[in-house]
Amino acid sequence: MTATATPRERLARRYRAVNGEHPMTGEDDAYADRYFTPLEALCARHGRDPDDVRGLMLAGRLPLPGYLRSDGTEMVPTDLLELVDEAGGLERLPDWFRGHWADPAAGAEEYESYLSGQNVCLYRLHPATMRRKEELIRAITEAVRTPGPGVPGWLAGLHALVDELDALEPPFTAYDRLRFGGPVSRDTCIDAVRRDFPPR
């Protein structure tokens, strides 16, 4: 990559540095098309210049794309810019976002995770849904660690948690399991739990 690389080329290089070199298949592309939006289409709807938005991503002020399709198209959450508006503008976004966590260190960690673009595990990427997802995963993990099938309401309570997590998370695609190096939360906290503790 030369010094004259375009913003799109530089963003693709940054994306691969974060996610690794894992080719997207046709099925992965179709998945990204279903759950995400091309960056240029999103910018057109909001009257934004795509290269300006790419520059903000490269500067660590907006999240990297969630996926790069096999043709290089940057795929982003459909509500990417709406979150900026909800925060009161780009300048307020970091403090507003981190303020959803009582622990400043946790808020800072979650904000860095948000900027990575790897939070593709939610239908709506928002601090509130990020927090709730983590709460549900902890609760499900704890319930499975100390199962109590004989305890009244235990199984129903477990499945209520799993169903709530299911409603927050999309299905994921094979590419996700490659870049994350193994099973994702849907595999471990939804599908496996339903298999191992079926409802009666």
Protein backbone atom coordinates (compact mmCIF):
# COMPACT_ATOMS: atom_id res chain seq x y z
CA MET A 1 0.00 0.00 0.00
CA THR A 2 1.50 3.33 -1.03
CA ALA A 3 1.36 6.73 0.59
CA THR A 4 -1.19 7.74 -2.06
CA ALA A 5 -3.68 5.05 -1.00
CA THR A 6 -7.29 6.19 -1.03
CA PRO A 7 -9.31 6.40 2.20
CA ARG A 8 -11.17 3.26 1.10
CA GLU A 9 -7.89 1.37 0.64
CA ARG A 10 -6.54 2.57 3.98
CA LEU A 11 -9.76 1.58 5.71
CA ALA A 12 -9.60 -1.90 4.17
CA ARG A 13 -6.03 -2.26 5.43
CA ARG A 14 -7.07 -1.19 8.95
CA TYR A 15 -10.05 -3.53 8.88
CA ARG A 16 -7.86 -6.52 7.97
CA ALA A 17 -5.33 -5.59 10.63
CA VAL A 18 -8.12 -5.85 13.22
CA ASN A 19 -10.00 -8.85 11.82
CA GLY A 20 -7.32 -10.88 10.05
CA GLU A 21 -7.23 -12.24 6.51
CA HIS A 22 -10.38 -14.36 6.24
CA PRO A 23 -12.04 -14.39 2.81
CA MET A 24 -15.76 -13.74 2.69
CA THR A 25 -17.80 -16.40 0.89
CA GLY A 26 -20.96 -15.82 -1.09
CA GLU A 27 -22.98 -16.89 1.96
CA ASP A 28 -21.06 -14.42 4.14
CA ASP A 29 -21.76 -11.64 1.62
CA ALA A 30 -25.47 -12.47 1.60
CA TYR A 31 -25.50 -12.38 5.40
CA ALA A 32 -23.82 -8.96 5.50
CA ASP A 33 -26.29 -7.68 2.90
CA ARG A 34 -29.19 -8.85 5.04
CA TYR A 35 -28.13 -7.37 8.36
CA PHE A 36 -25.86 -4.45 7.41
CA THR A 37 -25.79 -1.53 4.97
CA PRO A 38 -23.15 -0.44 2.44
CA LEU A 39 -21.30 2.57 3.81
CA GLU A 40 -21.81 4.61 0.65
CA ALA A 41 -25.57 3.96 0.66
CA LEU A 42 -25.80 5.01 4.31
CA CYS A 43 -23.84 8.18 3.59
CA ALA A 44 -26.11 8.99 0.64
CA ARG A 45 -29.19 8.74 2.87
CA HIS A 46 -27.64 11.07 5.45
CA GLY A 47 -26.04 13.52 3.02
CA ARG A 48 -22.52 12.62 4.17
CA ASP A 49 -19.36 12.25 2.12
CA PRO A 50 -18.17 8.61 2.33
CA ASP A 51 -14.50 9.58 2.43
CA ASP A 52 -15.20 11.96 5.33
CA VAL A 53 -16.81 9.09 7.23
CA ARG A 54 -13.94 6.79 6.33
CA GLY A 55 -11.58 9.41 7.72
CA LEU A 56 -13.51 9.46 11.00
CA MET A 57 -13.24 5.67 11.18
CA LEU A 58 -9.51 5.79 10.53
CA ALA A 59 -9.14 8.48 13.21
CA GLY A 60 -10.93 6.30 15.79
CA ARG A 61 -13.97 8.54 16.02
CA LEU A 62 -16.46 6.15 14.41
CA PRO A 63 -16.48 2.34 14.39
CA LEU A 64 -14.73 0.42 11.63
CA PRO A 65 -17.07 -1.46 9.27
CA GLY A 66 -18.60 -4.64 10.61
CA TYR A 67 -17.73 -6.53 7.42
CA LEU A 68 -15.87 -6.10 4.15
CA ARG A 69 -17.74 -7.95 1.47
CA SER A 70 -15.71 -10.03 -0.99
CA ASP A 71 -15.91 -7.15 -3.48
CA GLY A 72 -14.51 -4.72 -0.89
CA THR A 73 -17.80 -3.04 -0.01
CA GLU A 74 -17.72 -1.69 3.56
CA MET A 75 -20.79 -2.92 5.45
CA VAL A 76 -21.89 -0.92 8.51
CA PRO A 77 -24.83 -0.96 10.96
CA THR A 78 -27.88 0.77 9.53
CA ASP A 79 -28.11 2.98 12.64
CA LEU A 80 -24.41 3.92 12.70
CA LEU A 81 -25.01 7.66 12.36
CA GLU A 82 -28.22 7.65 14.41
CA LEU A 83 -26.18 6.77 17.49
CA VAL A 84 -24.08 9.90 16.92
CA ASP A 85 -27.25 11.97 16.77
CA GLU A 86 -28.58 10.37 19.96
CA ALA A 87 -25.33 11.22 21.71
CA GLY A 88 -25.71 14.88 20.70
CA GLY A 89 -22.95 14.89 18.10
CA LEU A 90 -19.61 13.32 17.40
CA GLU A 91 -17.79 15.34 20.04
CA ARG A 92 -20.13 14.08 22.76
CA LEU A 93 -20.20 10.48 21.58
CA PRO A 94 -17.25 9.13 23.66
CA ASP A 95 -18.42 10.50 27.04
CA TRP A 96 -22.07 9.72 26.32
CA PHE A 97 -21.22 6.16 25.33
CA ARG A 98 -18.86 5.46 28.25
CA GLY A 99 -21.35 7.00 30.68
CA HIS A 100 -23.67 4.01 30.27
CA TRP A 101 -21.32 2.02 32.54
CA ALA A 102 -20.92 2.82 36.23
CA ASP A 103 -17.32 1.61 36.12
CA PRO A 104 -15.25 4.08 34.03
CA ALA A 105 -12.75 1.37 33.09
CA ALA A 106 -15.54 -0.88 31.82
CA GLY A 107 -17.04 2.01 29.88
CA ALA A 108 -13.69 2.78 28.26
CA GLU A 109 -13.19 -0.87 27.34
CA GLU A 110 -16.64 -1.14 25.80
CA TYR A 111 -16.10 2.06 23.82
CA GLU A 112 -12.88 0.68 22.35
CA SER A 113 -14.74 -2.51 21.50
CA TYR A 114 -17.43 -0.42 19.80
CA LEU A 115 -14.83 1.44 17.72
CA SER A 116 -13.27 -1.85 16.56
CA GLY A 117 -16.39 -2.58 14.50
CA GLN A 118 -16.40 -6.13 15.83
CA ASN A 119 -19.62 -5.70 17.79
CA VAL A 120 -21.62 -7.43 15.09
CA CYS A 121 -23.47 -9.53 17.65
CA LEU A 122 -26.47 -7.26 18.10
CA TYR A 123 -29.36 -6.25 15.90
CA ARG A 124 -29.06 -2.76 17.37
CA LEU A 125 -25.60 -1.59 18.39
CA HIS A 126 -26.26 0.64 21.39
CA PRO A 127 -24.71 0.90 24.86
CA ALA A 128 -27.96 -0.32 26.43
CA THR A 129 -28.11 -3.46 24.29
CA MET A 130 -24.38 -4.08 24.76
CA ARG A 131 -24.82 -3.97 28.52
CA ARG A 132 -27.89 -6.18 28.45
CA LYS A 133 -26.17 -8.75 26.26
CA GLU A 134 -23.28 -9.05 28.73
CA GLU A 135 -25.70 -9.31 31.66
CA LEU A 136 -27.60 -12.10 29.93
CA ILE A 137 -24.44 -14.01 29.02
CA ARG A 138 -23.25 -13.84 32.64
CA ALA A 139 -26.64 -14.97 33.94
CA ILE A 140 -26.92 -17.85 31.47
CA THR A 141 -23.35 -18.98 32.13
CA GLU A 142 -23.94 -18.96 35.88
CA ALA A 143 -27.24 -20.81 35.58
CA VAL A 144 -25.67 -23.53 33.43
CA ARG A 145 -22.64 -23.81 35.75
CA THR A 146 -24.90 -24.69 38.68
CA PRO A 147 -27.89 -26.31 37.01
CA GLY A 148 -30.93 -26.95 39.12
CA PRO A 149 -33.39 -28.93 37.00
CA GLY A 150 -35.13 -30.00 40.18
CA VAL A 151 -35.58 -26.43 41.37
CA PRO A 152 -39.04 -25.07 40.54
CA GLY A 153 -38.85 -22.49 37.80
CA TRP A 154 -35.14 -23.04 37.07
CA LEU A 155 -35.59 -24.36 33.54
CA ALA A 156 -38.21 -21.76 32.64
CA GLY A 157 -35.99 -19.01 34.02
CA LEU A 158 -33.02 -20.26 32.02
CA HIS A 159 -35.01 -20.33 28.81
CA ALA A 160 -36.39 -16.85 29.46
CA LEU A 161 -32.80 -15.57 29.58
CA VAL A 162 -31.87 -17.48 26.44
CA ASP A 163 -34.93 -16.22 24.57
CA GLU A 164 -34.11 -12.63 25.50
CA LEU A 165 -30.54 -13.02 24.25
CA ASP A 166 -31.85 -14.67 21.09
CA ALA A 167 -33.98 -11.60 20.41
CA LEU A 168 -30.92 -9.33 20.68
CA GLU A 169 -28.49 -11.32 18.55
CA PRO A 170 -28.49 -12.02 14.81
CA PRO A 171 -27.50 -15.52 13.61
CA PHE A 172 -23.81 -14.73 12.85
CA THR A 173 -22.06 -16.15 9.80
CA ALA A 174 -19.16 -18.52 9.20
CA TYR A 175 -16.78 -15.57 8.72
CA ASP A 176 -17.46 -14.47 12.31
CA ARG A 177 -16.38 -17.82 13.70
CA LEU A 178 -13.13 -17.53 11.72
CA ARG A 179 -12.22 -14.02 12.80
CA PHE A 180 -13.20 -14.62 16.43
CA GLY A 181 -11.33 -17.92 16.49
CA GLY A 182 -14.13 -20.24 17.46
CA PRO A 183 -17.69 -20.40 18.76
CA VAL A 184 -19.64 -17.16 19.25
CA SER A 185 -22.10 -16.33 22.00
CA ARG A 186 -25.04 -17.65 19.96
CA ASP A 187 -23.31 -21.03 19.79
CA THR A 188 -22.47 -21.24 23.49
CA CYS A 189 -25.31 -19.37 25.21
CA ILE A 190 -28.27 -20.01 22.92
CA ASP A 191 -27.91 -23.07 20.70
CA ALA A 192 -25.90 -25.21 23.17
CA VAL A 193 -28.16 -24.33 26.09
CA ARG A 194 -31.31 -25.19 24.14
CA ARG A 195 -29.71 -28.48 23.10
CA ASP A 196 -28.44 -29.46 26.55
CA PHE A 197 -31.40 -28.19 28.58
CA PRO A 198 -34.46 -28.59 26.33
CA PRO A 199 -37.72 -27.15 27.58
CA ARG A 200 -40.23 -29.64 28.92
